Every structure is written in C-alpha cells, then in structure tokens.
Amino acid sequence: MQAISRIAAAAVLVAGCAHAQSQPPTRDQPPAGASPTTLQHPPAPPELAPLSQDFQAALANSQLQTYRYNQLAEQALALKKLCDTGFGPADICPKANAFADGLQIAGSGDLPTVDEISGPRSGLRAVLVFGDGKRLTVHAGSVLSNGLIVAAITDDDVRVKGGGRESVLYFAGAQAK
C-alpha cells in the first residue's frame, strides 16, 4: 500500500510541475528563458542653489509690507463705515457741515426737510427730517446738529442761517437764498 501511495504522490508532484510550466508567466516573474530587465530612473534634477540672505530678507520685507497695507485698508474701511453711521470718533470723522473759520453750509441736499409745522402762531414748532432719517423737533432759535440756527418758522416754511447764508426749508426740500 505504501508503494501505491508513493506512486500517487509522485504523480501528483509531476502533474503539479507540468501544470506550473504550462501557465503563462505572471507580472512579477519574467517568462521562462527571458533575461530580467532593469529599469533606469530618469536623472534627478540638479539641486537649486539656496537663496541669498539679502534676497530672503527682501522677500520677507515685501510680504510684511503687503500685509500691513492690507490691514490699513481694512481699518480705513471700518472707520469709514463708522463715520458714515455717525458712531465714529469726532476728532477723525468729518461732519457733513463742518466748522472752518466760520460756519460752512453744504449743498441743499444736506439740509433737512420739513415734515410738520404745528403750535400757536407765537410759538410754532417744526419737525425736521434729516437725510439719514433722523427726526428733530425745533423752534425759533434752535441749533441743529450741523450748526445751523433756526431763524424763523412760518406756516409754510422754516428758515435757517449759518455762515452768512440763509436757507429756506420747505416741506418738499430746501432752497438757498
């Protein structure tokens, strides 16, 4: 029995060897009888010379200046927004009608309009509406936030003075004299 087992084992080994030779070669192994090929890598690029200290300092300085200019631009934009809303610092933000050597009156577009005139004839009051939507109740002699003084209030209009000029505020707008 042992002889049969040995013959069977030898047959299996011979069959396995024949089967291994009949299979096509795999990617890892070259075909039978072929010589292995060697791969050559492309040449490595030459190393770049290090940048000089002066060039590195100039590059860093340029980047720092760009950063500083961007920061200044952002700060200026934020300050402009604060000034436009009226919440900016008074010493930096210009007033719409600033004081120079006397009172300066801007164009009629900067003047308020009259919304309402009421009260007895001897003490008329007016409600003025400014360009930003703020409303202010005034009487003769009142000083507006832009420095103008209410000279007189009639049934039809409000007269304001400042800087040697007089303006008449009507319900629909203002006309300068």
C-alpha atoms as a PDB file:
ATOM      1  CA  MET A   1       0.000   0.000   0.000  1.00  0.00           C
ATOM      2  CA  GLN A   2       2.825   2.235   0.745  1.00  0.00           C
ATOM      3  CA  ALA A   3       4.163   1.710  -2.747  1.00  0.00           C
ATOM      4  CA  ILE A   4       0.877   2.879  -4.226  1.00  0.00           C
ATOM      5  CA  SER A   5       0.853   5.940  -2.006  1.00  0.00           C
ATOM      6  CA  ARG A   6       4.368   6.823  -3.064  1.00  0.00           C
ATOM      7  CA  ILE A   7       3.466   6.409  -6.720  1.00  0.00           C
ATOM      8  CA  ALA A   8       0.366   8.568  -6.272  1.00  0.00           C
ATOM      9  CA  ALA A   9       2.375  11.263  -4.504  1.00  0.00           C
ATOM     10  CA  ALA A  10       4.998  11.240  -7.270  1.00  0.00           C
ATOM     11  CA  ALA A  11       2.254  11.508  -9.889  1.00  0.00           C
ATOM     12  CA  VAL A  12       0.758  14.475  -8.122  1.00  0.00           C
ATOM     13  CA  LEU A  13       4.163  16.178  -7.953  1.00  0.00           C
ATOM     14  CA  VAL A  14       4.841  15.569 -11.642  1.00  0.00           C
ATOM     15  CA  ALA A  15       1.375  16.826 -12.571  1.00  0.00           C
ATOM     16  CA  GLY A  16       1.888  19.974 -10.446  1.00  0.00           C
ATOM     17  CA  CYS A  17       5.232  20.684 -12.147  1.00  0.00           C
ATOM     18  CA  ALA A  18       3.734  20.229 -15.598  1.00  0.00           C
ATOM     19  CA  HIS A  19       0.817  22.460 -14.666  1.00  0.00           C
ATOM     20  CA  ALA A  20       3.184  25.184 -13.349  1.00  0.00           C
ATOM     21  CA  GLN A  21       5.154  25.196 -16.614  1.00  0.00           C
ATOM     22  CA  SER A  22       2.033  25.430 -18.778  1.00  0.00           C
ATOM     23  CA  GLN A  23       0.718  28.615 -17.055  1.00  0.00           C
ATOM     24  CA  PRO A  24       1.624  31.987 -18.580  1.00  0.00           C
ATOM     25  CA  PRO A  25       4.194  33.983 -16.608  1.00  0.00           C
ATOM     26  CA  THR A  26       2.904  36.458 -14.020  1.00  0.00           C
ATOM     27  CA  ARG A  27       3.853  40.118 -13.915  1.00  0.00           C
ATOM     28  CA  ASP A  28       6.332  39.507 -11.145  1.00  0.00           C
ATOM     29  CA  GLN A  29       8.215  36.776 -12.964  1.00  0.00           C
ATOM     30  CA  PRO A  30       9.707  37.064 -16.448  1.00  0.00           C
ATOM     31  CA  PRO A  31       8.753  34.397 -18.989  1.00  0.00           C
ATOM     32  CA  ALA A  32      10.847  31.221 -18.982  1.00  0.00           C
ATOM     33  CA  GLY A  33      14.121  31.711 -20.841  1.00  0.00           C
ATOM     34  CA  ALA A  34      13.947  35.523 -20.781  1.00  0.00           C
ATOM     35  CA  SER A  35      16.544  37.580 -19.015  1.00  0.00           C
ATOM     36  CA  PRO A  36      15.345  40.062 -16.378  1.00  0.00           C
ATOM     37  CA  THR A  37      15.414  43.710 -17.431  1.00  0.00           C
ATOM     38  CA  THR A  38      16.496  46.528 -15.217  1.00  0.00           C
ATOM     39  CA  LEU A  39      14.632  49.825 -15.097  1.00  0.00           C
ATOM     40  CA  GLN A  40      16.543  53.053 -15.209  1.00  0.00           C
ATOM     41  CA  HIS A  41      15.131  56.070 -13.419  1.00  0.00           C
ATOM     42  CA  PRO A  42      15.285  59.448 -15.125  1.00  0.00           C
ATOM     43  CA  PRO A  43      18.131  61.609 -13.892  1.00  0.00           C
ATOM     44  CA  ALA A  44      17.336  63.716 -10.842  1.00  0.00           C
ATOM     45  CA  PRO A  45      17.217  67.470 -11.449  1.00  0.00           C
ATOM     46  CA  PRO A  46      20.147  69.374 -10.091  1.00  0.00           C
ATOM     47  CA  GLU A  47      19.587  70.983  -6.715  1.00  0.00           C
ATOM     48  CA  LEU A  48      18.823  74.680  -6.741  1.00  0.00           C
ATOM     49  CA  ALA A  49      21.262  76.945  -5.059  1.00  0.00           C
ATOM     50  CA  PRO A  50      19.989  78.314  -1.752  1.00  0.00           C
ATOM     51  CA  LEU A  51      18.586  81.843  -1.811  1.00  0.00           C
ATOM     52  CA  SER A  52      20.898  84.541  -0.546  1.00  0.00           C
ATOM     53  CA  GLN A  53      20.232  86.113   2.845  1.00  0.00           C
ATOM     54  CA  ASP A  54      19.641  89.520   1.225  1.00  0.00           C
ATOM     55  CA  PHE A  55      17.050  88.088  -1.150  1.00  0.00           C
ATOM     56  CA  GLN A  56      15.265  86.243   1.668  1.00  0.00           C
ATOM     57  CA  ALA A  57      15.172  89.438   3.758  1.00  0.00           C
ATOM     58  CA  ALA A  58      13.838  91.480   0.823  1.00  0.00           C
ATOM     59  CA  LEU A  59      11.129  88.867   0.145  1.00  0.00           C
ATOM     60  CA  ALA A  60      10.081  88.791   3.804  1.00  0.00           C
ATOM     61  CA  ASN A  61      10.002  92.610   3.925  1.00  0.00           C
ATOM     62  CA  SER A  62       7.846  92.744   0.784  1.00  0.00           C
ATOM     63  CA  GLN A  63       5.393  90.238   2.240  1.00  0.00           C
ATOM     64  CA  LEU A  64       5.258  92.177   5.512  1.00  0.00           C
ATOM     65  CA  GLN A  65       4.568  95.466   3.701  1.00  0.00           C
ATOM     66  CA  THR A  66       1.758  93.853   1.702  1.00  0.00           C
ATOM     67  CA  TYR A  67       0.231  92.540   4.930  1.00  0.00           C
ATOM     68  CA  ARG A  68       0.491  95.975   6.577  1.00  0.00           C
ATOM     69  CA  TYR A  69      -1.138  97.730   3.597  1.00  0.00           C
ATOM     70  CA  ASN A  70      -3.999  95.227   3.646  1.00  0.00           C
ATOM     71  CA  GLN A  71      -4.502  95.819   7.374  1.00  0.00           C
ATOM     72  CA  LEU A  72      -4.501  99.604   6.900  1.00  0.00           C
ATOM     73  CA  ALA A  73      -7.031  99.322   4.080  1.00  0.00           C
ATOM     74  CA  GLU A  74      -9.338  97.208   6.277  1.00  0.00           C
ATOM     75  CA  GLN A  75      -9.016  99.693   9.166  1.00  0.00           C
ATOM     76  CA  ALA A  76      -9.785 102.632   6.868  1.00  0.00           C
ATOM     77  CA  LEU A  77     -12.870 100.855   5.535  1.00  0.00           C
ATOM     78  CA  ALA A  78     -14.086 100.098   9.067  1.00  0.00           C
ATOM     79  CA  LEU A  79     -13.515 103.727  10.128  1.00  0.00           C
ATOM     80  CA  LYS A  80     -15.376 104.981   7.052  1.00  0.00           C
ATOM     81  CA  LYS A  81     -18.333 102.761   7.920  1.00  0.00           C
ATOM     82  CA  LEU A  82     -18.313 104.093  11.493  1.00  0.00           C
ATOM     83  CA  CYS A  83     -18.173 107.685  10.252  1.00  0.00           C
ATOM     84  CA  ASP A  84     -20.982 107.065   7.756  1.00  0.00           C
ATOM     85  CA  THR A  85     -23.239 105.757  10.525  1.00  0.00           C
ATOM     86  CA  GLY A  86     -22.354 108.630  12.876  1.00  0.00           C
ATOM     87  CA  PHE A  87     -20.642 106.469  15.502  1.00  0.00           C
ATOM     88  CA  GLY A  88     -17.049 107.283  14.571  1.00  0.00           C
ATOM     89  CA  PRO A  89     -14.659 109.341  16.705  1.00  0.00           C
ATOM     90  CA  ALA A  90     -15.489 113.049  16.496  1.00  0.00           C
ATOM     91  CA  ASP A  91     -11.851 114.085  16.096  1.00  0.00           C
ATOM     92  CA  ILE A  92     -11.405 111.898  12.985  1.00  0.00           C
ATOM     93  CA  CYS A  93     -14.776 111.770  11.250  1.00  0.00           C
ATOM     94  CA  PRO A  94     -15.616 114.898   9.267  1.00  0.00           C
ATOM     95  CA  LYS A  95     -19.018 116.404   9.864  1.00  0.00           C
ATOM     96  CA  ALA A  96     -21.309 116.902   6.903  1.00  0.00           C
ATOM     97  CA  ASN A  97     -21.346 120.616   7.667  1.00  0.00           C
ATOM     98  CA  ALA A  98     -18.054 121.186   9.482  1.00  0.00           C
ATOM     99  CA  PHE A  99     -16.894 124.418  11.064  1.00  0.00           C
ATOM    100  CA  ALA A 100     -13.994 126.013   9.209  1.00  0.00           C
ATOM    101  CA  ASP A 101     -13.211 129.624  10.000  1.00  0.00           C
ATOM    102  CA  GLY A 102     -16.976 130.198  10.119  1.00  0.00           C
ATOM    103  CA  LEU A 103     -19.999 128.034   9.627  1.00  0.00           C
ATOM    104  CA  GLN A 104     -19.968 126.307   6.293  1.00  0.00           C
ATOM    105  CA  ILE A 105     -23.258 125.260   4.749  1.00  0.00           C
ATOM    106  CA  ALA A 106     -23.204 122.328   2.384  1.00  0.00           C
ATOM    107  CA  GLY A 107     -25.394 121.964  -0.682  1.00  0.00           C
ATOM    108  CA  SER A 108     -29.157 121.861  -0.363  1.00  0.00           C
ATOM    109  CA  GLY A 109     -29.032 118.057  -0.482  1.00  0.00           C
ATOM    110  CA  ASP A 110     -27.506 118.116   3.045  1.00  0.00           C
ATOM    111  CA  LEU A 111     -30.280 120.239   4.520  1.00  0.00           C
ATOM    112  CA  PRO A 112     -33.235 118.647   6.304  1.00  0.00           C
ATOM    113  CA  THR A 113     -36.787 118.783   5.019  1.00  0.00           C
ATOM    114  CA  VAL A 114     -39.847 119.898   6.930  1.00  0.00           C
ATOM    115  CA  ASP A 115     -42.229 117.142   7.942  1.00  0.00           C
ATOM    116  CA  GLU A 116     -44.639 119.112  10.132  1.00  0.00           C
ATOM    117  CA  ILE A 117     -45.281 122.633  11.461  1.00  0.00           C
ATOM    118  CA  SER A 118     -47.587 122.980  14.456  1.00  0.00           C
ATOM    119  CA  GLY A 119     -48.385 125.062  17.540  1.00  0.00           C
ATOM    120  CA  PRO A 120     -49.768 128.514  18.228  1.00  0.00           C
ATOM    121  CA  ARG A 121     -48.657 131.347  15.982  1.00  0.00           C
ATOM    122  CA  SER A 122     -46.487 132.833  18.713  1.00  0.00           C
ATOM    123  CA  GLY A 123     -44.627 129.556  19.315  1.00  0.00           C
ATOM    124  CA  LEU A 124     -44.578 127.462  16.160  1.00  0.00           C
ATOM    125  CA  ARG A 125     -42.661 124.179  16.248  1.00  0.00           C
ATOM    126  CA  ALA A 126     -41.379 122.224  13.278  1.00  0.00           C
ATOM    127  CA  VAL A 127     -40.391 118.599  12.849  1.00  0.00           C
ATOM    128  CA  LEU A 128     -37.380 118.313  10.537  1.00  0.00           C
ATOM    129  CA  VAL A 129     -36.275 115.105   8.810  1.00  0.00           C
ATOM    130  CA  PHE A 130     -32.563 114.683   8.010  1.00  0.00           C
ATOM    131  CA  GLY A 131     -31.081 112.647   5.163  1.00  0.00           C
ATOM    132  CA  ASP A 132     -30.287 109.712   7.474  1.00  0.00           C
ATOM    133  CA  GLY A 133     -33.945 109.535   8.607  1.00  0.00           C
ATOM    134  CA  LYS A 134     -33.464 111.203  11.999  1.00  0.00           C
ATOM    135  CA  ARG A 135     -36.279 113.494  13.095  1.00  0.00           C
ATOM    136  CA  LEU A 136     -35.873 116.588  15.254  1.00  0.00           C
ATOM    137  CA  THR A 137     -38.472 118.950  16.714  1.00  0.00           C
ATOM    138  CA  VAL A 138     -37.235 122.582  16.659  1.00  0.00           C
ATOM    139  CA  HIS A 139     -38.425 126.101  17.448  1.00  0.00           C
ATOM    140  CA  ALA A 140     -37.047 129.522  16.555  1.00  0.00           C
ATOM    141  CA  GLY A 141     -33.507 129.814  17.970  1.00  0.00           C
ATOM    142  CA  SER A 142     -32.784 126.065  17.984  1.00  0.00           C
ATOM    143  CA  VAL A 143     -29.318 124.990  16.856  1.00  0.00           C
ATOM    144  CA  LEU A 144     -29.232 121.967  14.563  1.00  0.00           C
ATOM    145  CA  SER A 145     -26.598 119.241  14.820  1.00  0.00           C
ATOM    146  CA  ASN A 146     -24.921 120.607  11.670  1.00  0.00           C
ATOM    147  CA  GLY A 147     -24.509 124.022  13.308  1.00  0.00           C
ATOM    148  CA  LEU A 148     -27.336 125.837  11.520  1.00  0.00           C
ATOM    149  CA  ILE A 149     -29.618 128.061  13.608  1.00  0.00           C
ATOM    150  CA  VAL A 150     -33.386 128.103  13.115  1.00  0.00           C
ATOM    151  CA  ALA A 151     -34.064 131.787  12.402  1.00  0.00           C
ATOM    152  CA  ALA A 152     -37.833 131.669  11.940  1.00  0.00           C
ATOM    153  CA  ILE A 153     -40.732 129.296  11.496  1.00  0.00           C
ATOM    154  CA  THR A 154     -43.761 130.351   9.450  1.00  0.00           C
ATOM    155  CA  ASP A 155     -46.890 128.476   8.468  1.00  0.00           C
ATOM    156  CA  ASP A 156     -45.260 127.420   5.184  1.00  0.00           C
ATOM    157  CA  ASP A 157     -41.519 127.040   5.813  1.00  0.00           C
ATOM    158  CA  VAL A 158     -38.549 127.030   8.201  1.00  0.00           C
ATOM    159  CA  ARG A 159     -35.658 129.477   7.744  1.00  0.00           C
ATOM    160  CA  VAL A 160     -32.168 128.518   8.903  1.00  0.00           C
ATOM    161  CA  LYS A 161     -28.997 130.648   8.996  1.00  0.00           C
ATOM    162  CA  GLY A 162     -25.313 129.904   9.194  1.00  0.00           C
ATOM    163  CA  GLY A 163     -22.056 131.116   7.705  1.00  0.00           C
ATOM    164  CA  GLY A 164     -23.616 134.312   6.362  1.00  0.00           C
ATOM    165  CA  ARG A 165     -26.182 132.388   4.331  1.00  0.00           C
ATOM    166  CA  GLU A 166     -29.852 131.776   4.843  1.00  0.00           C
ATOM    167  CA  SER A 167     -31.731 128.743   3.599  1.00  0.00           C
ATOM    168  CA  VAL A 168     -35.443 128.148   3.431  1.00  0.00           C
ATOM    169  CA  LEU A 169     -36.617 124.646   4.252  1.00  0.00           C
ATOM    170  CA  TYR A 170     -39.871 123.641   2.613  1.00  0.00           C
ATOM    171  CA  PHE A 171     -41.982 120.548   3.022  1.00  0.00           C
ATOM    172  CA  ALA A 172     -40.522 119.074  -0.178  1.00  0.00           C
ATOM    173  CA  GLY A 173     -36.887 120.215   0.194  1.00  0.00           C
ATOM    174  CA  ALA A 174     -34.760 123.313   0.624  1.00  0.00           C
ATOM    175  CA  GLN A 175     -33.900 126.369  -1.449  1.00  0.00           C
ATOM    176  CA  ALA A 176     -30.876 128.535  -0.657  1.00  0.00           C
ATOM    177  CA  LYS A 177     -31.060 132.313  -0.843  1.00  0.00           C
END
